[in-house]
């Protein structure tokens, strides 16, 4: 938060799901607002725009764990913001997954959209509260997940450059799932009497590794189409402003892979702050491109690989398993960037990613004598054997954070058409 002060970047701060029960107590909500909001509300402070009360708390996989405590928490936080004198500019909302609304299987078109039956009454109350307080409905839309979760999903429908099988809805052609998903929500809002409620897309993006459909080529195609499309609105909200937040800034190599290996590869930037591919944030051919971090310092050009002198490879599998349990090996999966390696190179990749994670400590490249340090770069095609950046706040984190924050500021100023 201190790093964001004075940047002008619009910030959404979040209350995690495991704190929602605590926020059902108004005194606790007031204390949270004091500590996390008003503390930074000073001249040239942090430009806080939203407080996210939970994150996708109504996912079916949560088995109603947060169903009864989210709305009371939302009301307490907004009331606490109002009492603190910042409620006019800072709004409490709930980032929701697109599974809170749907269209029936008998008529799967956007105009038939409605809120999920098990939470329909609750959603109507929440939407009314949003409207009363000037808060938007924040939804996370992931066309990639539509493709990932359904082998029969038409791949072109996930993008924006046309499909041979558009969805026809009352004379309207839907050629991509983003528009269809967004307008299904618009229809659901209309059915509860708030069809004009502002909608913010809190997360949308495309991963670049971790799945057969997660790669740089597809991500570039998706973003190019998305940013052009936003300028035109959707069929039910044509020529309207859509506030969109791209997910995400950088890869998260320790993120849970329970949903899939792709979860660690959503970043627009590589681990060292370089754009993975060109993105024109204007969507209008103005070449407002991402800017990479400058003067990044790397560790020495050394890698860890399978020792060519090793003859007993009986323990190789166990050591690879150990390396991948403590570092990110998701690029080795089926259809991923390093899927084509042979067995020895596969083990070398695992050993090296662990070695780099451990900042080249001597003992981190041994693996019971199966590994050795090398100066030979083993990168091959799309598979990159990375070298870690220098782990020093003075030499990397501070200047690179500044550059990346500048990139975010540019990103946010261009994606809100």
Protein backbone atom coordinates (compact mmCIF):
# COMPACT_ATOMS: atom_id res chain seq x y z
CA UNK A 1 0.00 0.00 0.00
CA UNK A 2 2.87 2.38 0.75
CA UNK A 3 4.35 1.66 -2.67
CA UNK A 4 1.02 2.58 -4.29
CA UNK A 5 0.78 5.93 -2.50
CA UNK A 6 1.04 8.87 -4.86
CA UNK A 7 0.87 6.79 -8.04
CA UNK A 8 -2.74 7.67 -8.84
CA UNK A 9 -3.43 4.02 -9.61
CA UNK A 10 -6.97 2.99 -8.73
CA UNK A 11 -6.81 0.28 -6.09
CA UNK A 12 -9.23 -2.39 -4.92
CA UNK A 13 -8.38 -3.82 -1.52
CA UNK A 14 -9.85 -7.12 -0.41
CA UNK A 15 -11.24 -8.88 2.61
CA UNK A 16 -10.50 -12.61 2.19
CA UNK A 17 -13.29 -15.13 2.53
CA UNK A 18 -11.97 -16.46 5.81
CA UNK A 19 -12.50 -13.01 7.37
CA UNK A 20 -16.13 -12.61 6.27
CA UNK A 21 -17.51 -14.04 9.52
CA UNK A 22 -15.45 -11.53 11.49
CA UNK A 23 -16.89 -8.68 9.41
CA UNK A 24 -20.38 -9.66 10.55
CA UNK A 25 -19.49 -7.72 13.71
CA UNK A 26 -19.85 -3.99 13.00
CA UNK A 27 -17.09 -2.95 15.42
CA UNK A 28 -14.69 -5.32 13.66
CA UNK A 29 -15.74 -3.89 10.29
CA UNK A 30 -15.09 -0.34 11.52
CA UNK A 31 -11.66 -1.35 12.82
CA UNK A 32 -10.81 -3.01 9.49
CA UNK A 33 -11.79 0.13 7.56
CA UNK A 34 -9.72 2.28 9.91
CA UNK A 35 -6.65 0.06 9.53
CA UNK A 36 -6.86 -0.63 5.81
CA UNK A 37 -8.71 2.32 4.26
CA UNK A 38 -8.72 5.59 6.18
CA UNK A 39 -5.11 5.02 7.21
CA UNK A 40 -4.12 5.61 3.58
CA UNK A 41 -6.69 8.33 2.84
CA UNK A 42 -4.35 11.32 2.91
CA UNK A 43 -3.19 13.83 0.30
CA UNK A 44 -1.21 11.94 -2.35
CA UNK A 45 -2.11 8.74 -0.56
CA UNK A 46 -3.56 5.56 -2.06
CA UNK A 47 -6.41 6.02 -4.53
CA UNK A 48 -8.70 3.32 -3.13
CA UNK A 49 -11.79 2.86 -5.29
CA UNK A 50 -13.35 -0.40 -4.09
CA UNK A 51 -13.32 -2.74 -1.14
CA UNK A 52 -13.83 -6.32 -2.26
CA UNK A 53 -15.85 -8.15 0.37
CA UNK A 54 -14.74 -11.72 -0.20
CA UNK A 55 -13.76 -13.27 -3.49
CA UNK A 56 -16.24 -15.39 -5.44
CA UNK A 57 -17.84 -16.47 -2.13
CA UNK A 58 -20.82 -18.20 -3.77
CA UNK A 59 -18.87 -20.76 -5.77
CA UNK A 60 -20.68 -24.08 -5.65
CA UNK A 61 -17.46 -25.77 -4.54
CA UNK A 62 -17.65 -23.83 -1.24
CA UNK A 63 -20.84 -25.72 -0.31
CA UNK A 64 -22.57 -22.61 1.10
CA UNK A 65 -19.71 -21.90 3.53
CA UNK A 66 -20.05 -18.15 2.93
CA UNK A 67 -23.64 -17.85 1.68
CA UNK A 68 -25.15 -16.50 4.90
CA UNK A 69 -22.28 -14.26 6.04
CA UNK A 70 -21.28 -12.38 2.88
CA UNK A 71 -24.19 -9.93 2.63
CA UNK A 72 -24.05 -8.89 6.32
CA UNK A 73 -20.29 -8.32 5.90
CA UNK A 74 -20.92 -6.23 2.79
CA UNK A 75 -23.45 -4.03 4.60
CA UNK A 76 -21.17 -3.55 7.60
CA UNK A 77 -18.18 -2.56 5.47
CA UNK A 78 -20.16 -0.07 3.38
CA UNK A 79 -21.71 1.43 6.52
CA UNK A 80 -18.25 1.66 8.10
CA UNK A 81 -16.95 3.42 4.98
CA UNK A 82 -19.88 5.83 5.18
CA UNK A 83 -19.27 6.50 8.87
CA UNK A 84 -15.59 7.16 8.13
CA UNK A 85 -16.61 9.82 5.60
CA UNK A 86 -15.25 8.01 2.52
CA UNK A 87 -18.37 6.16 1.37
CA UNK A 88 -19.05 8.64 -1.44
CA UNK A 89 -15.84 7.68 -3.24
CA UNK A 90 -15.04 4.18 -1.96
CA UNK A 91 -17.61 1.46 -2.59
CA UNK A 92 -17.92 -1.98 -1.05
CA UNK A 93 -18.73 -4.71 -3.53
CA UNK A 94 -18.34 -8.46 -4.02
CA UNK A 95 -16.26 -9.91 -6.87
CA UNK A 96 -18.39 -12.76 -8.17
CA UNK A 97 -17.80 -15.68 -10.45
CA UNK A 98 -19.97 -15.90 -13.55
CA UNK A 99 -21.57 -19.05 -12.11
CA UNK A 100 -23.93 -16.90 -9.99
CA UNK A 101 -26.05 -16.46 -13.13
CA UNK A 102 -26.91 -18.63 -16.09
CA UNK A 103 -29.48 -19.29 -18.77
CA UNK A 104 -31.58 -22.47 -18.63
CA UNK A 105 -30.46 -25.48 -20.64
CA UNK A 106 -33.80 -25.43 -22.44
CA UNK A 107 -33.04 -21.94 -23.78
CA UNK A 108 -29.29 -21.23 -23.42
CA UNK A 109 -29.22 -17.68 -24.78
CA UNK A 110 -28.21 -14.41 -23.07
CA UNK A 111 -31.74 -12.98 -23.01
CA UNK A 112 -32.83 -15.90 -20.81
CA UNK A 113 -30.20 -15.15 -18.19
CA UNK A 114 -31.18 -15.23 -14.54
CA UNK A 115 -29.51 -15.65 -11.18
CA UNK A 116 -28.82 -19.16 -9.93
CA UNK A 117 -31.96 -20.54 -8.27
CA UNK A 118 -30.31 -21.44 -4.94
CA UNK A 119 -29.09 -17.84 -4.41
CA UNK A 120 -31.64 -15.89 -6.51
CA UNK A 121 -33.30 -14.12 -3.57
CA UNK A 122 -29.96 -13.31 -1.96
CA UNK A 123 -28.56 -11.94 -5.22
CA UNK A 124 -31.63 -9.72 -5.66
CA UNK A 125 -31.00 -8.21 -2.21
CA UNK A 126 -27.31 -7.71 -2.91
CA UNK A 127 -27.98 -6.09 -6.28
CA UNK A 128 -30.48 -3.71 -4.69
CA UNK A 129 -27.87 -2.79 -2.06
CA UNK A 130 -25.31 -2.12 -4.80
CA UNK A 131 -27.79 0.19 -6.53
CA UNK A 132 -28.66 2.07 -3.33
CA UNK A 133 -24.97 2.71 -2.57
CA UNK A 134 -23.68 3.40 -6.08
CA UNK A 135 -21.55 0.27 -6.15
CA UNK A 136 -20.97 -1.79 -9.31
CA UNK A 137 -21.56 -5.48 -9.88
CA UNK A 138 -18.08 -7.01 -10.24
CA UNK A 139 -17.88 -10.21 -12.23
CA UNK A 140 -14.94 -12.38 -13.30
CA UNK A 141 -15.29 -13.71 -16.86
CA UNK A 142 -12.86 -16.31 -18.21
CA UNK A 143 -13.48 -17.57 -21.76
CA UNK A 144 -10.40 -19.77 -21.32
CA UNK A 145 -12.16 -21.68 -18.53
CA UNK A 146 -15.17 -22.27 -20.81
CA UNK A 147 -12.78 -23.93 -23.23
CA UNK A 148 -10.80 -25.74 -20.54
CA UNK A 149 -13.87 -27.19 -18.84
CA UNK A 150 -15.68 -28.44 -21.95
CA UNK A 151 -14.01 -30.54 -24.65
CA UNK A 152 -16.93 -29.81 -26.98
CA UNK A 153 -16.66 -26.03 -26.61
CA UNK A 154 -16.00 -24.41 -30.03
CA UNK A 155 -12.53 -22.93 -29.75
CA UNK A 156 -13.23 -19.90 -31.98
CA UNK A 157 -16.10 -18.90 -29.70
CA UNK A 158 -13.54 -18.16 -26.97
CA UNK A 159 -11.99 -15.44 -29.15
CA UNK A 160 -13.22 -12.37 -30.99
CA UNK A 161 -12.37 -12.90 -34.64
CA UNK A 162 -15.48 -14.75 -35.76
CA UNK A 163 -17.03 -18.18 -35.49
CA UNK A 164 -18.86 -20.40 -37.95
CA UNK A 165 -21.58 -21.15 -35.39
CA UNK A 166 -22.78 -17.93 -33.72
CA UNK A 167 -25.46 -18.09 -31.04
CA UNK A 168 -28.69 -16.51 -32.27
CA UNK A 169 -30.77 -14.72 -29.66
CA UNK A 170 -33.86 -12.74 -30.69
CA UNK A 171 -32.22 -11.60 -33.90
CA UNK A 172 -28.84 -10.90 -32.28
CA UNK A 173 -25.75 -12.88 -33.26
CA UNK A 174 -23.29 -13.68 -30.50
CA UNK A 175 -19.92 -14.56 -31.98
CA UNK A 176 -17.93 -14.87 -28.75
CA UNK A 177 -18.53 -16.16 -25.25
CA UNK A 178 -17.40 -12.94 -23.54
CA UNK A 179 -20.27 -10.93 -25.03
CA UNK A 180 -22.72 -13.76 -24.37
CA UNK A 181 -21.59 -14.12 -20.75
CA UNK A 182 -21.69 -10.37 -20.09
CA UNK A 183 -25.16 -10.00 -21.60
CA UNK A 184 -26.46 -13.01 -19.66
CA UNK A 185 -25.62 -11.00 -16.55
CA UNK A 186 -27.33 -7.92 -17.99
CA UNK A 187 -30.46 -10.02 -18.52
CA UNK A 188 -30.28 -11.40 -14.98
CA UNK A 189 -30.03 -7.86 -13.61
CA UNK A 190 -33.03 -6.79 -15.67
CA UNK A 191 -35.11 -9.61 -14.23
CA UNK A 192 -34.56 -8.30 -10.68
CA UNK A 193 -35.26 -4.71 -11.70
CA UNK A 194 -31.75 -3.29 -12.00
CA UNK A 195 -30.88 -3.63 -15.67
CA UNK A 196 -28.83 -0.43 -15.69
CA UNK A 197 -26.57 -1.33 -12.75
CA UNK A 198 -22.90 -0.67 -13.65
CA UNK A 199 -20.91 -3.82 -14.35
CA UNK A 200 -17.15 -4.07 -13.82
CA UNK A 201 -15.22 -7.04 -15.18
CA UNK A 202 -12.93 -7.65 -12.23
CA UNK A 203 -10.85 -10.35 -13.91
CA UNK A 204 -10.42 -11.41 -17.51
CA UNK A 205 -7.37 -12.90 -19.19
CA UNK A 206 -5.71 -15.85 -20.85
CA UNK A 207 -2.87 -17.98 -19.44
CA UNK A 208 0.32 -18.62 -21.40
CA UNK A 209 1.32 -22.05 -20.11
CA UNK A 210 0.05 -25.00 -18.09
CA UNK A 211 -2.43 -26.41 -20.63
CA UNK A 212 -2.62 -27.35 -24.28
CA UNK A 213 -4.72 -24.21 -24.92
CA UNK A 214 -2.60 -21.96 -22.72
CA UNK A 215 0.20 -20.43 -24.75
CA UNK A 216 1.53 -17.07 -25.88
CA UNK A 217 -0.05 -17.30 -29.34
CA UNK A 218 -3.55 -17.85 -27.98
CA UNK A 219 -3.11 -15.23 -25.26
CA UNK A 220 -2.01 -12.61 -27.78
CA UNK A 221 -4.99 -13.46 -29.98
CA UNK A 222 -7.37 -13.18 -27.04
CA UNK A 223 -6.11 -9.84 -25.74
CA UNK A 224 -5.97 -8.28 -29.20
CA UNK A 225 -9.61 -9.17 -29.78
CA UNK A 226 -10.77 -8.30 -26.27
CA UNK A 227 -9.31 -4.79 -26.21
CA UNK A 228 -10.78 -3.97 -29.61
CA UNK A 229 -14.14 -5.39 -28.57
CA UNK A 230 -14.41 -3.33 -25.37
CA UNK A 231 -14.60 -0.11 -27.34
CA UNK A 232 -17.84 -1.30 -28.98
CA UNK A 233 -19.68 -2.63 -25.92
CA UNK A 234 -21.89 -5.70 -26.08
CA UNK A 235 -25.22 -6.21 -27.91
CA UNK A 236 -27.28 -5.39 -24.78
CA UNK A 237 -25.03 -2.48 -23.83
CA UNK A 238 -23.75 -1.11 -27.13
CA UNK A 239 -21.27 1.79 -27.13
CA UNK A 240 -21.10 1.71 -23.34
CA UNK A 241 -18.04 2.02 -21.17
CA UNK A 242 -16.84 -1.31 -19.78
CA UNK A 243 -14.42 -1.08 -16.89
CA UNK A 244 -12.13 -4.08 -17.18
CA UNK A 245 -9.19 -5.35 -15.15
CA UNK A 246 -6.81 -7.68 -16.94
CA UNK A 247 -5.67 -10.72 -14.98
CA UNK A 248 -2.92 -10.64 -14.17
CA UNK A 249 0.26 -8.65 -13.92
CA UNK A 250 2.83 -11.42 -13.35
CA UNK A 251 2.87 -15.20 -12.99
CA UNK A 252 2.39 -16.64 -9.49
CA UNK A 253 4.69 -19.64 -9.15
CA UNK A 254 3.34 -20.69 -5.76
CA UNK A 255 -0.36 -20.44 -6.57
CA UNK A 256 -2.53 -23.51 -6.04
CA UNK A 257 -2.79 -25.70 -9.13
CA UNK A 258 -5.91 -27.49 -7.91
CA UNK A 259 -7.99 -25.95 -10.75
CA UNK A 260 -5.19 -26.65 -13.25
CA UNK A 261 -1.49 -26.01 -13.92
CA UNK A 262 -2.42 -22.90 -15.90
CA UNK A 263 -3.21 -21.07 -12.64
CA UNK A 264 0.46 -20.12 -12.31
CA UNK A 265 0.70 -18.56 -15.77
CA UNK A 266 -1.83 -15.72 -16.10
CA UNK A 267 0.76 -12.93 -16.15
CA UNK A 268 1.11 -10.36 -18.92
CA UNK A 269 4.73 -10.02 -17.79
CA UNK A 270 7.37 -12.70 -17.31
CA UNK A 271 8.90 -13.25 -13.88
CA UNK A 272 11.56 -10.62 -14.66
CA UNK A 273 9.13 -7.91 -15.71
CA UNK A 274 9.23 -8.30 -19.49
CA UNK A 275 6.04 -8.34 -21.61
CA UNK A 276 5.30 -11.85 -22.84
CA UNK A 277 3.84 -10.50 -26.08
CA UNK A 278 2.82 -7.11 -27.52
CA UNK A 279 -0.49 -5.78 -26.22
CA UNK A 280 -2.01 -2.57 -27.59
CA UNK A 281 -3.92 -1.41 -24.54
CA UNK A 282 -5.80 1.24 -26.49
CA UNK A 283 -7.53 -1.39 -28.63
CA UNK A 284 -7.57 1.26 -31.33
CA UNK A 285 -4.24 0.77 -33.07
CA UNK A 286 -2.53 3.51 -31.07
CA UNK A 287 0.34 1.22 -30.01
CA UNK A 288 -0.04 1.91 -26.30
CA UNK A 289 2.16 -1.06 -25.46
CA UNK A 290 3.29 -2.65 -22.24
CA UNK A 291 6.71 -1.44 -21.07
CA UNK A 292 9.22 -3.89 -19.69
CA UNK A 293 11.25 -3.44 -16.53
CA UNK A 294 14.67 -1.87 -17.09
CA UNK A 295 18.12 -2.81 -15.76
CA UNK A 296 17.04 -6.12 -14.28
CA UNK A 297 19.90 -7.87 -12.50
CA UNK A 298 20.17 -11.63 -12.82
CA UNK A 299 22.14 -14.25 -10.96
CA UNK A 300 25.24 -15.60 -12.79
CA UNK A 301 24.61 -17.58 -15.98
CA UNK A 302 24.59 -20.98 -14.30
CA UNK A 303 22.09 -23.79 -14.54
CA UNK A 304 21.58 -27.09 -12.73
CA UNK A 305 21.32 -30.23 -14.88
CA UNK A 306 21.50 -33.98 -14.63
CA UNK A 307 25.13 -34.91 -13.99
CA UNK A 308 26.46 -36.54 -17.18
CA UNK A 309 28.72 -38.71 -15.00
CA UNK A 310 25.82 -40.16 -13.01
CA UNK A 311 25.28 -43.83 -13.78
CA UNK A 312 22.82 -44.97 -11.13
CA UNK A 313 19.57 -43.22 -12.07
CA UNK A 314 17.34 -45.34 -9.86
CA UNK A 315 16.67 -42.39 -7.56
CA UNK A 316 16.12 -39.87 -10.35
CA UNK A 317 12.32 -39.96 -10.19
CA UNK A 318 12.25 -39.38 -6.43
CA UNK A 319 14.60 -36.41 -6.74
CA UNK A 320 12.60 -34.88 -9.57
CA UNK A 321 9.50 -35.27 -7.42
CA UNK A 322 11.28 -33.48 -4.58
CA UNK A 323 12.38 -30.61 -6.82
CA UNK A 324 8.89 -30.13 -8.22
CA UNK A 325 7.35 -30.20 -4.75
CA UNK A 326 9.45 -27.16 -3.83
CA UNK A 327 9.49 -25.29 -7.14
CA UNK A 328 7.22 -24.76 -10.13
CA UNK A 329 7.37 -27.56 -12.72
CA UNK A 330 3.99 -26.89 -14.33
CA UNK A 331 5.62 -26.12 -17.68
CA UNK A 332 6.45 -29.82 -18.00
CA UNK A 333 2.81 -30.89 -18.25
CA UNK A 334 0.99 -32.23 -21.29
CA UNK A 335 0.71 -29.61 -24.03
CA UNK A 336 2.84 -27.15 -22.05
CA UNK A 337 5.94 -25.22 -23.12
CA UNK A 338 8.39 -27.90 -21.97
CA UNK A 339 6.31 -30.96 -22.77
CA UNK A 340 8.65 -32.07 -25.58
CA UNK A 341 11.74 -32.72 -23.46
CA UNK A 342 13.29 -36.16 -23.19
CA UNK A 343 13.61 -37.85 -19.79
CA UNK A 344 17.06 -36.43 -18.99
CA UNK A 345 16.14 -32.88 -20.03
CA UNK A 346 12.88 -33.19 -18.13
CA UNK A 347 14.83 -33.98 -14.95
CA UNK A 348 17.28 -31.16 -15.68
CA UNK A 349 14.41 -28.70 -15.95
CA UNK A 350 13.12 -29.76 -12.54
CA UNK A 351 16.57 -29.57 -10.98
CA UNK A 352 17.23 -26.14 -12.48
CA UNK A 353 13.97 -24.55 -11.44
CA UNK A 354 14.68 -25.68 -7.87
CA UNK A 355 18.29 -24.44 -8.10
CA UNK A 356 17.11 -21.02 -9.28
CA UNK A 357 14.44 -20.84 -6.59
CA UNK A 358 17.17 -21.47 -4.01
CA UNK A 359 19.26 -18.60 -5.46
CA UNK A 360 22.11 -20.87 -6.63
CA UNK A 361 22.99 -22.27 -3.21
CA UNK A 362 25.67 -24.90 -3.70
CA UNK A 363 23.76 -27.64 -1.92
CA UNK A 364 20.66 -27.03 -4.07
CA UNK A 365 22.25 -28.64 -7.12
CA UNK A 366 23.27 -32.05 -5.86
CA UNK A 367 20.23 -34.32 -5.63
CA UNK A 368 22.21 -37.27 -4.22
CA UNK A 369 24.93 -36.79 -6.81
CA UNK A 370 22.53 -36.84 -9.75
CA UNK A 371 22.92 -33.14 -10.60
CA UNK A 372 25.74 -30.73 -11.37
CA UNK A 373 26.08 -27.03 -12.16
CA UNK A 374 26.65 -26.14 -15.80
CA UNK A 375 27.24 -22.97 -17.80
CA UNK A 376 25.41 -24.40 -20.80
CA UNK A 377 21.95 -22.93 -21.42
CA UNK A 378 19.63 -25.87 -22.03
CA UNK A 379 16.68 -23.78 -23.24
CA UNK A 380 15.06 -25.36 -26.25
CA UNK A 381 12.33 -23.91 -28.46
CA UNK A 382 9.45 -22.77 -26.28
CA UNK A 383 11.03 -24.26 -23.17
CA UNK A 384 13.00 -21.69 -21.22
CA UNK A 385 15.50 -22.73 -18.55
CA UNK A 386 15.35 -19.49 -16.60
CA UNK A 387 17.95 -17.77 -14.46
CA UNK A 388 16.60 -16.15 -11.31
CA UNK A 389 16.80 -12.42 -10.67
CA UNK A 390 19.07 -11.10 -7.93
CA UNK A 391 17.18 -11.34 -4.62
CA UNK A 392 18.01 -7.85 -3.41
CA UNK A 393 15.52 -5.12 -2.58
CA UNK A 394 18.08 -2.45 -3.51
CA UNK A 395 19.05 -3.93 -6.86
CA UNK A 396 15.76 -5.28 -8.15
CA UNK A 397 12.59 -5.01 -6.15
CA UNK A 398 12.35 -1.27 -5.64
CA UNK A 399 13.22 0.01 -9.13
CA UNK A 400 11.38 -2.79 -10.87
CA UNK A 401 8.30 -2.30 -8.71
CA UNK A 402 8.34 1.34 -9.74
CA UNK A 403 8.50 0.39 -13.42
CA UNK A 404 5.75 -2.20 -13.05
CA UNK A 405 3.52 0.23 -11.16
CA UNK A 406 4.00 2.70 -14.00
CA UNK A 407 2.99 -0.05 -16.40
CA UNK A 408 -0.15 -0.72 -14.35
CA UNK A 409 -1.04 2.97 -14.34
CA UNK A 410 -0.77 3.02 -18.12
CA UNK A 411 -2.74 -0.19 -18.36
CA UNK A 412 -5.59 1.06 -16.21
CA UNK A 413 -5.81 4.38 -18.03
CA UNK A 414 -6.24 2.63 -21.36
CA UNK A 415 -8.48 -0.31 -20.56
CA UNK A 416 -11.27 1.84 -19.09
CA UNK A 417 -12.73 3.10 -22.34
